[in-house]
Protein backbone atom coordinates (compact mmCIF):
# COMPACT_ATOMS: atom_id res chain seq x y z
CA MET A 1 -16.24 71.44 -1.72
CA MET A 2 -12.71 69.11 -2.55
CA ARG A 3 -9.77 70.86 -1.70
CA GLU A 4 -6.49 70.24 -3.97
CA ASN A 5 -4.40 68.23 -1.52
CA GLU A 6 -7.01 65.68 -0.93
CA GLN A 7 -6.27 62.39 -2.82
CA GLY A 8 -8.07 59.17 -3.35
CA TYR A 9 -7.64 55.90 -5.04
CA THR A 10 -8.89 55.59 -8.47
CA MET A 11 -10.91 52.26 -9.56
CA MET A 12 -8.00 51.69 -12.06
CA GLU A 13 -5.99 51.44 -8.41
CA VAL A 14 -8.45 49.50 -6.80
CA ILE A 15 -8.62 47.11 -10.03
CA SER A 16 -4.55 46.84 -10.40
CA VAL A 17 -4.20 45.81 -6.94
CA LEU A 18 -7.09 43.18 -6.87
CA ALA A 19 -5.18 42.24 -10.21
CA ILE A 20 -1.95 41.53 -8.50
CA ILE A 21 -3.57 39.82 -5.88
CA GLY A 22 -5.41 37.74 -7.86
CA VAL A 23 -2.31 36.42 -10.03
CA LEU A 24 0.06 36.25 -6.21
CA ALA A 25 -2.98 33.70 -4.64
CA ALA A 26 -2.80 32.06 -8.05
CA SER A 27 0.43 31.24 -8.07
CA ALA A 28 0.30 30.15 -4.20
CA ALA A 29 -2.50 27.75 -5.06
CA LYS A 30 -0.24 26.24 -8.28
CA LEU A 31 3.13 25.99 -5.86
CA VAL A 32 1.05 24.24 -2.68
CA SER A 33 -0.90 21.86 -5.53
CA ASN A 34 2.68 21.14 -6.64
CA MET A 35 4.42 20.77 -3.37
CA PHE A 36 1.12 18.08 -2.37
CA ASP A 37 1.21 16.07 -5.78
CA ARG A 38 5.07 15.48 -5.23
CA TYR A 39 4.70 14.80 -1.57
CA LYS A 40 1.70 12.02 -2.74
CA ALA A 41 4.39 10.58 -5.51
CA SER A 42 6.88 10.16 -3.18
CA ARG A 43 4.53 8.47 -0.39
CA VAL A 44 3.31 5.85 -3.05
CA ALA A 45 7.30 5.26 -3.78
CA ASP A 46 7.70 4.26 0.15
CA GLN A 47 4.10 2.35 0.01
CA ILE A 48 5.76 -0.16 -2.86
CA VAL A 49 8.89 -0.34 -0.42
CA GLU A 50 7.01 -0.96 2.81
CA MET A 51 4.83 -3.81 1.12
CA GLN A 52 7.58 -5.71 -0.10
CA LYS A 53 9.35 -5.87 3.14
CA VAL A 54 6.06 -6.33 5.04
CA ILE A 55 5.02 -9.09 2.88
CA ASN A 56 8.61 -10.65 2.73
CA ARG A 57 8.89 -10.76 6.91
CA ARG A 58 5.63 -11.79 7.26
CA TYR A 59 6.15 -15.31 4.46
CA VAL A 60 9.50 -15.62 4.91
CA ALA A 61 8.73 -18.54 7.44
CA GLU A 62 6.53 -19.86 5.53
CA GLY A 63 8.98 -19.78 2.26
CA ASN A 64 4.98 -19.55 0.33
CA TYR A 65 2.48 -16.84 -0.92
CA SER A 66 -0.16 -18.72 -2.02
CA ASN A 67 -2.47 -17.74 1.68
CA LEU A 68 -1.18 -13.99 0.74
CA SER A 69 -4.30 -11.55 0.20
CA ALA A 70 -5.53 -7.71 1.01
CA GLU A 71 -7.76 -9.35 3.37
CA THR A 72 -5.06 -10.69 5.39
CA LEU A 73 -2.70 -7.93 5.07
CA ILE A 74 -5.66 -5.49 6.53
CA GLN A 75 -6.69 -8.08 9.30
CA GLU A 76 -3.12 -8.74 10.28
CA LYS A 77 -2.69 -5.21 10.11
CA LEU A 78 0.57 -5.39 8.38
CA VAL A 79 -0.64 -2.36 5.99
CA SER A 80 0.00 1.36 7.42
CA GLY A 81 -3.51 3.10 7.99
CA ASP A 82 -3.07 5.30 4.92
CA MET A 83 -3.82 2.26 3.05
CA ARG A 84 -6.68 0.68 4.48
CA SER A 85 -9.77 1.34 3.11
CA ASP A 86 -12.55 -0.86 3.68
CA ASP A 87 -11.90 -4.13 3.01
CA LYS A 88 -9.11 -3.25 -0.31
CA ILE A 89 -5.74 -1.68 -0.17
CA VAL A 90 -5.37 1.59 -1.85
CA HIS A 91 -2.37 3.95 -2.74
CA PRO A 92 -2.93 8.03 -2.93
CA TYR A 93 -4.65 7.58 -6.94
CA GLY A 94 -6.12 4.58 -6.57
CA ASP A 95 -6.60 0.41 -6.04
CA VAL A 96 -3.77 -1.95 -5.11
CA GLU A 97 -4.16 -5.48 -5.74
CA VAL A 98 -1.60 -8.36 -4.18
CA THR A 99 -1.64 -11.98 -4.97
CA GLY A 100 0.25 -14.79 -3.77
CA GLY A 101 1.88 -17.62 -5.59
CA SER A 102 3.61 -20.68 -4.68
CA ILE A 103 7.15 -19.13 -5.09
CA SER A 104 6.40 -15.64 -5.83
CA PHE A 105 3.85 -12.39 -4.77
CA LYS A 106 2.35 -9.53 -7.19
CA VAL A 107 1.72 -6.29 -5.83
CA ALA A 108 -0.20 -4.10 -8.61
CA TYR A 109 -0.93 -0.21 -8.10
CA LYS A 110 -3.44 1.13 -10.23
CA THR A 111 -4.12 4.34 -12.04
CA LEU A 112 -1.49 5.85 -11.64
CA PRO A 113 -0.54 9.43 -13.26
CA TYR A 114 2.08 9.51 -15.84
CA ASN A 115 4.97 10.90 -13.45
CA VAL A 116 4.41 8.31 -10.43
CA CYS A 117 4.65 5.82 -13.00
CA VAL A 118 7.70 7.24 -14.39
CA THR A 119 8.63 7.54 -11.02
CA LEU A 120 8.14 4.40 -9.08
CA ALA A 121 9.15 2.46 -13.13
CA ASN A 122 12.92 3.88 -11.64
CA LEU A 123 12.39 2.95 -7.79
CA ASN A 124 16.43 1.78 -7.04
CA TRP A 125 15.84 -1.79 -6.53
CA ILE A 126 18.80 -3.76 -5.15
CA ILE A 127 20.57 -5.08 -7.93
CA GLN A 128 19.87 -8.44 -9.96
CA ASP A 129 20.71 -11.31 -7.81
CA SER A 130 20.61 -9.65 -4.47
CA SER A 131 17.19 -8.37 -5.33
CA ASP A 132 14.05 -9.66 -4.28
CA LEU A 133 12.36 -8.27 -7.28
CA VAL A 134 11.73 -10.74 -10.57
CA THR A 135 9.87 -8.83 -13.01
CA LEU A 136 8.42 -5.26 -13.37
CA ASP A 137 5.59 -4.96 -15.34
CA ILE A 138 4.45 -1.29 -16.79
CA ASN A 139 0.52 -1.54 -18.70
CA GLY A 140 2.09 -4.41 -20.27
CA ASN A 141 5.38 -4.38 -20.96
CA LYS A 142 6.96 -6.87 -19.17
CA TYR A 143 10.90 -6.18 -17.47
CA ALA A 144 13.05 -8.93 -15.98
CA TRP A 145 16.67 -9.47 -14.72
CA PRO A 146 18.65 -10.69 -17.63
CA GLU A 147 19.85 -14.28 -15.80
CA ALA A 148 15.93 -14.78 -14.76
CA ALA A 149 13.96 -17.13 -16.35
CA SER A 150 11.01 -15.58 -17.87
CA ASP A 151 8.64 -14.09 -20.60
CA ALA A 152 9.68 -10.69 -20.28
CA LYS A 153 10.66 -9.03 -23.31
CA HIS A 154 12.27 -6.16 -21.92
CA GLN A 155 15.61 -6.44 -19.34
CA LEU A 156 16.19 -4.84 -16.04
CA PRO A 157 17.62 -2.31 -14.62
CA MET A 158 14.63 -0.33 -15.78
CA ASP A 159 15.99 2.62 -18.68
CA ILE A 160 14.44 6.12 -17.97
CA SER A 161 13.69 6.67 -21.56
CA ARG A 162 12.01 2.77 -21.37
CA ALA A 163 9.80 4.00 -18.25
CA MET A 164 8.72 7.60 -20.25
CA SER A 165 7.42 5.65 -23.60
CA ASP A 166 5.99 2.79 -21.48
CA CYS A 167 3.93 5.05 -18.59
CA LYS A 168 1.12 6.61 -21.14
CA ARG A 169 0.10 10.48 -21.12
CA ASP A 170 -3.29 10.04 -21.80
CA LYS A 171 -4.37 7.46 -19.91
CA ASP A 172 -4.20 5.50 -15.96
CA ASN A 173 -1.27 3.49 -16.05
CA THR A 174 -0.37 0.41 -13.87
CA ILE A 175 2.45 -1.14 -12.31
CA THR A 176 3.27 -4.88 -11.11
CA TRP A 177 6.23 -5.55 -9.20
CA GLU A 178 6.74 -9.56 -9.15
CA PHE A 179 9.09 -10.32 -5.80
CA GLN A 180 9.87 -13.54 -4.57
């Protein structure tokens, strides 16, 4: 026999509590995911700056980048551990391609998501004559400093609205930096 002052949880109350817990868990997962995405984007930006400095230090005495290759950078342990994958250089979203020439070298980051592409396109490189950056190519749209002898159609510094239009939302993006 049940007493009048006994109370229990109804099925609706249990379902309501479970729904609230579910919403909180989904919100927490989204927050953690966003924080991780921001970390990865920040790490990619740090990596290109580090790579440019390491390559310049390594090859400055030679004055020539023709011997530059991903294999050389990996063998000489000039690439951070999180950028090495067997015999190639990688970033959190895909592959990195490094090529050297007689007076300059190129670093290409492939398969970048839109938000990372925009962030990297707007990195604050040292301005004009003091910059080692010669050209910047975003999905085939090439930029150079106004006084540079280049076939670039656009001028640096990068305008954020141009970066937003050159980086594609519906596909993976490639950014190539040319340094000397």
